[in-house]
Amino acid sequence: MILPAMRKTLVFSLIVLLSLPAYGETLAVNRPVERHGRGKWWKISTVLLAAATSIDAASSWGRQEANPLLRGGNGQFGGQAIALKALVFGGAAGAQYFLLKRHPKAEKYATITNVILAGAFSAAAASNYARHSGGTANASPVPSNPR
């Protein structure tokens, strides 16, 4: 059962909500178009960083973790570490997005930062894979008995 006072509030809210698109159109017509979009290279560098972070996490999954912030209760890299890495990446990408919205000229620096971080995470992943495979990434098999 809807009370009379509640009915008035509901009707008023509905009228306001339905009239907002018309108000938004008048604002859009009177406002000059400004480009706030991020550039192609920043977007590519952000995707590279996401991929490198994912590969680094995959290379550590279920193994002993040296970083105490990413170590689980049993000393291994697990779901908690994945959540933390995703949170850090999302926070950094979101902060860059809003920073570049206000300061588009900083895009070059954000792109360079993303590429450097992607390289560092890729190197960490390569190191993890090499360590877990029992050798180095560039080592060729050497026979143990040369005879």
C-alpha atoms as a PDB file:
ATOM      1  CA  MET A   1       0.000   0.000   0.000  1.00  0.00           C
ATOM      2  CA  ILE A   2       1.400   3.359  -1.029  1.00  0.00           C
ATOM      3  CA  LEU A   3       0.705   6.241   1.328  1.00  0.00           C
ATOM      4  CA  PRO A   4      -0.421   9.597  -0.163  1.00  0.00           C
ATOM      5  CA  ALA A   5       2.776  11.391   0.909  1.00  0.00           C
ATOM      6  CA  MET A   6       4.870   8.609  -0.553  1.00  0.00           C
ATOM      7  CA  ARG A   7       2.863   8.710  -3.783  1.00  0.00           C
ATOM      8  CA  LYS A   8       3.630  12.433  -4.233  1.00  0.00           C
ATOM      9  CA  THR A   9       7.342  11.779  -3.679  1.00  0.00           C
ATOM     10  CA  LEU A  10       7.296   8.905  -6.152  1.00  0.00           C
ATOM     11  CA  VAL A  11       5.507  10.958  -8.827  1.00  0.00           C
ATOM     12  CA  PHE A  12       7.865  13.897  -8.321  1.00  0.00           C
ATOM     13  CA  SER A  13      10.925  11.621  -8.529  1.00  0.00           C
ATOM     14  CA  LEU A  14       9.595  10.000 -11.685  1.00  0.00           C
ATOM     15  CA  ILE A  15       8.992  13.384 -13.350  1.00  0.00           C
ATOM     16  CA  VAL A  16      12.491  14.571 -12.455  1.00  0.00           C
ATOM     17  CA  LEU A  17      14.121  11.364 -13.701  1.00  0.00           C
ATOM     18  CA  LEU A  18      12.200  11.394 -16.969  1.00  0.00           C
ATOM     19  CA  SER A  19      13.027  15.050 -17.642  1.00  0.00           C
ATOM     20  CA  LEU A  20      16.797  14.672 -17.126  1.00  0.00           C
ATOM     21  CA  PRO A  21      17.558  13.458 -20.686  1.00  0.00           C
ATOM     22  CA  ALA A  22      15.884  16.562 -22.153  1.00  0.00           C
ATOM     23  CA  TYR A  23      17.919  18.790 -19.841  1.00  0.00           C
ATOM     24  CA  GLY A  24      21.080  16.914 -20.799  1.00  0.00           C
ATOM     25  CA  GLU A  25      20.416  17.498 -24.497  1.00  0.00           C
ATOM     26  CA  THR A  26      20.218  21.255 -24.016  1.00  0.00           C
ATOM     27  CA  LEU A  27      23.520  21.186 -22.145  1.00  0.00           C
ATOM     28  CA  ALA A  28      25.146  19.119 -24.885  1.00  0.00           C
ATOM     29  CA  VAL A  29      23.969  21.493 -27.623  1.00  0.00           C
ATOM     30  CA  ASN A  30      25.334  24.590 -25.883  1.00  0.00           C
ATOM     31  CA  ARG A  31      28.680  23.119 -24.855  1.00  0.00           C
ATOM     32  CA  PRO A  32      31.629  22.968 -27.278  1.00  0.00           C
ATOM     33  CA  VAL A  33      32.999  19.507 -27.919  1.00  0.00           C
ATOM     34  CA  GLU A  34      36.278  18.848 -26.125  1.00  0.00           C
ATOM     35  CA  ARG A  35      38.467  15.834 -26.738  1.00  0.00           C
ATOM     36  CA  HIS A  36      39.155  14.080 -23.447  1.00  0.00           C
ATOM     37  CA  GLY A  37      39.817  10.679 -24.932  1.00  0.00           C
ATOM     38  CA  ARG A  38      43.034   8.886 -24.275  1.00  0.00           C
ATOM     39  CA  GLY A  39      45.374   8.308 -27.178  1.00  0.00           C
ATOM     40  CA  LYS A  40      45.997   5.057 -28.970  1.00  0.00           C
ATOM     41  CA  TRP A  41      49.491   4.529 -27.517  1.00  0.00           C
ATOM     42  CA  TRP A  42      48.351   4.978 -23.922  1.00  0.00           C
ATOM     43  CA  LYS A  43      45.591   2.410 -24.476  1.00  0.00           C
ATOM     44  CA  ILE A  44      48.060  -0.032 -26.040  1.00  0.00           C
ATOM     45  CA  SER A  45      50.518   0.462 -23.171  1.00  0.00           C
ATOM     46  CA  THR A  46      47.746  -0.161 -20.633  1.00  0.00           C
ATOM     47  CA  VAL A  47      46.814  -3.423 -22.374  1.00  0.00           C
ATOM     48  CA  LEU A  48      50.511  -4.401 -22.400  1.00  0.00           C
ATOM     49  CA  LEU A  49      50.737  -3.697 -18.680  1.00  0.00           C
ATOM     50  CA  ALA A  50      47.616  -5.769 -17.985  1.00  0.00           C
ATOM     51  CA  ALA A  51      49.003  -8.664 -20.032  1.00  0.00           C
ATOM     52  CA  ALA A  52      52.420  -8.495 -18.349  1.00  0.00           C
ATOM     53  CA  THR A  53      50.806  -8.392 -14.901  1.00  0.00           C
ATOM     54  CA  SER A  54      48.692 -11.427 -15.790  1.00  0.00           C
ATOM     55  CA  ILE A  55      51.669 -13.371 -17.129  1.00  0.00           C
ATOM     56  CA  ASP A  56      53.680 -12.523 -14.009  1.00  0.00           C
ATOM     57  CA  ALA A  57      50.816 -13.740 -11.815  1.00  0.00           C
ATOM     58  CA  ALA A  58      50.461 -16.941 -13.855  1.00  0.00           C
ATOM     59  CA  SER A  59      54.186 -17.637 -13.543  1.00  0.00           C
ATOM     60  CA  SER A  60      53.960 -17.369  -9.741  1.00  0.00           C
ATOM     61  CA  TRP A  61      50.668 -19.193  -9.179  1.00  0.00           C
ATOM     62  CA  GLY A  62      50.882 -21.872  -6.486  1.00  0.00           C
ATOM     63  CA  ARG A  63      54.606 -21.420  -5.929  1.00  0.00           C
ATOM     64  CA  GLN A  64      56.581 -19.992  -3.025  1.00  0.00           C
ATOM     65  CA  GLU A  65      56.475 -16.195  -3.134  1.00  0.00           C
ATOM     66  CA  ALA A  66      59.442 -14.022  -2.171  1.00  0.00           C
ATOM     67  CA  ASN A  67      57.386 -10.820  -1.849  1.00  0.00           C
ATOM     68  CA  PRO A  68      55.885 -10.741   1.670  1.00  0.00           C
ATOM     69  CA  LEU A  69      52.968  -8.563   0.487  1.00  0.00           C
ATOM     70  CA  LEU A  70      51.904 -11.210  -2.032  1.00  0.00           C
ATOM     71  CA  ARG A  71      52.613 -14.239   0.142  1.00  0.00           C
ATOM     72  CA  GLY A  72      49.616 -16.144   1.441  1.00  0.00           C
ATOM     73  CA  GLY A  73      49.376 -17.854   4.823  1.00  0.00           C
ATOM     74  CA  ASN A  74      51.270 -20.869   3.506  1.00  0.00           C
ATOM     75  CA  GLY A  75      53.952 -18.719   1.846  1.00  0.00           C
ATOM     76  CA  GLN A  76      52.595 -19.313  -1.646  1.00  0.00           C
ATOM     77  CA  PHE A  77      51.227 -17.030  -4.335  1.00  0.00           C
ATOM     78  CA  GLY A  78      47.459 -17.543  -4.440  1.00  0.00           C
ATOM     79  CA  GLY A  79      44.088 -15.907  -4.837  1.00  0.00           C
ATOM     80  CA  GLN A  80      44.791 -13.139  -2.342  1.00  0.00           C
ATOM     81  CA  ALA A  81      47.896 -12.145  -4.315  1.00  0.00           C
ATOM     82  CA  ILE A  82      45.937 -12.172  -7.590  1.00  0.00           C
ATOM     83  CA  ALA A  83      43.330  -9.880  -6.031  1.00  0.00           C
ATOM     84  CA  LEU A  84      46.031  -7.527  -4.754  1.00  0.00           C
ATOM     85  CA  LYS A  85      47.801  -7.399  -8.133  1.00  0.00           C
ATOM     86  CA  ALA A  86      44.482  -6.743  -9.898  1.00  0.00           C
ATOM     87  CA  LEU A  87      43.624  -4.024  -7.387  1.00  0.00           C
ATOM     88  CA  VAL A  88      46.988  -2.310  -7.851  1.00  0.00           C
ATOM     89  CA  PHE A  89      46.727  -2.497 -11.651  1.00  0.00           C
ATOM     90  CA  GLY A  90      43.139  -1.240 -11.652  1.00  0.00           C
ATOM     91  CA  GLY A  91      43.997   1.581  -9.288  1.00  0.00           C
ATOM     92  CA  ALA A  92      46.991   2.651 -11.349  1.00  0.00           C
ATOM     93  CA  ALA A  93      45.085   2.493 -14.648  1.00  0.00           C
ATOM     94  CA  GLY A  94      42.130   4.358 -13.144  1.00  0.00           C
ATOM     95  CA  ALA A  95      44.375   7.028 -11.653  1.00  0.00           C
ATOM     96  CA  GLN A  96      46.096   7.484 -15.013  1.00  0.00           C
ATOM     97  CA  TYR A  97      42.735   7.713 -16.768  1.00  0.00           C
ATOM     98  CA  PHE A  98      41.524  10.528 -14.529  1.00  0.00           C
ATOM     99  CA  LEU A  99      44.920  12.238 -14.506  1.00  0.00           C
ATOM    100  CA  LEU A 100      44.968  12.249 -18.310  1.00  0.00           C
ATOM    101  CA  LYS A 101      41.429  13.601 -18.363  1.00  0.00           C
ATOM    102  CA  ARG A 102      42.670  16.737 -16.605  1.00  0.00           C
ATOM    103  CA  HIS A 103      46.182  16.823 -18.087  1.00  0.00           C
ATOM    104  CA  PRO A 104      46.178  15.282 -21.592  1.00  0.00           C
ATOM    105  CA  LYS A 105      49.756  16.420 -22.214  1.00  0.00           C
ATOM    106  CA  ALA A 106      50.965  13.938 -19.569  1.00  0.00           C
ATOM    107  CA  GLU A 107      49.933  11.037 -21.820  1.00  0.00           C
ATOM    108  CA  LYS A 108      53.486  10.513 -23.052  1.00  0.00           C
ATOM    109  CA  TYR A 109      54.764  10.010 -19.491  1.00  0.00           C
ATOM    110  CA  ALA A 110      51.952   7.631 -18.573  1.00  0.00           C
ATOM    111  CA  THR A 111      52.621   5.594 -21.720  1.00  0.00           C
ATOM    112  CA  ILE A 112      56.355   5.376 -20.981  1.00  0.00           C
ATOM    113  CA  THR A 113      55.636   4.382 -17.371  1.00  0.00           C
ATOM    114  CA  ASN A 114      53.264   1.622 -18.501  1.00  0.00           C
ATOM    115  CA  VAL A 115      55.779   0.239 -20.997  1.00  0.00           C
ATOM    116  CA  ILE A 116      58.581   0.233 -18.403  1.00  0.00           C
ATOM    117  CA  LEU A 117      56.365  -1.520 -15.843  1.00  0.00           C
ATOM    118  CA  ALA A 118      55.210  -4.029 -18.472  1.00  0.00           C
ATOM    119  CA  GLY A 119      58.860  -4.778 -19.236  1.00  0.00           C
ATOM    120  CA  ALA A 120      59.667  -5.241 -15.550  1.00  0.00           C
ATOM    121  CA  PHE A 121      56.712  -7.596 -15.005  1.00  0.00           C
ATOM    122  CA  SER A 122      57.601  -9.527 -18.171  1.00  0.00           C
ATOM    123  CA  ALA A 123      61.193  -9.906 -16.949  1.00  0.00           C
ATOM    124  CA  ALA A 124      59.915 -11.137 -13.577  1.00  0.00           C
ATOM    125  CA  ALA A 125      57.670 -13.670 -15.333  1.00  0.00           C
ATOM    126  CA  ALA A 126      60.567 -14.875 -17.511  1.00  0.00           C
ATOM    127  CA  SER A 127      62.696 -15.241 -14.387  1.00  0.00           C
ATOM    128  CA  ASN A 128      59.931 -17.188 -12.628  1.00  0.00           C
ATOM    129  CA  TYR A 129      59.461 -19.540 -15.568  1.00  0.00           C
ATOM    130  CA  ALA A 130      63.224 -20.072 -15.891  1.00  0.00           C
ATOM    131  CA  ARG A 131      63.599 -20.728 -12.158  1.00  0.00           C
ATOM    132  CA  HIS A 132      60.720 -23.202 -12.101  1.00  0.00           C
ATOM    133  CA  SER A 133      61.885 -25.046 -15.200  1.00  0.00           C
ATOM    134  CA  GLY A 134      65.247 -25.687 -13.556  1.00  0.00           C
ATOM    135  CA  GLY A 135      67.451 -23.563 -15.795  1.00  0.00           C
ATOM    136  CA  THR A 136      67.902 -20.150 -17.302  1.00  0.00           C
ATOM    137  CA  ALA A 137      65.841 -18.825 -20.154  1.00  0.00           C
ATOM    138  CA  ASN A 138      68.784 -18.724 -22.603  1.00  0.00           C
ATOM    139  CA  ALA A 139      70.642 -21.845 -21.513  1.00  0.00           C
ATOM    140  CA  SER A 140      71.002 -24.720 -23.931  1.00  0.00           C
ATOM    141  CA  PRO A 141      71.012 -28.269 -22.613  1.00  0.00           C
ATOM    142  CA  VAL A 142      74.512 -29.376 -21.633  1.00  0.00           C
ATOM    143  CA  PRO A 143      75.188 -33.088 -21.296  1.00  0.00           C
ATOM    144  CA  SER A 144      76.261 -34.095 -17.798  1.00  0.00           C
ATOM    145  CA  ASN A 145      78.693 -36.731 -19.095  1.00  0.00           C
ATOM    146  CA  PRO A 146      80.594 -35.488 -22.178  1.00  0.00           C
ATOM    147  CA  ARG A 147      82.026 -38.972 -23.107  1.00  0.00           C
END
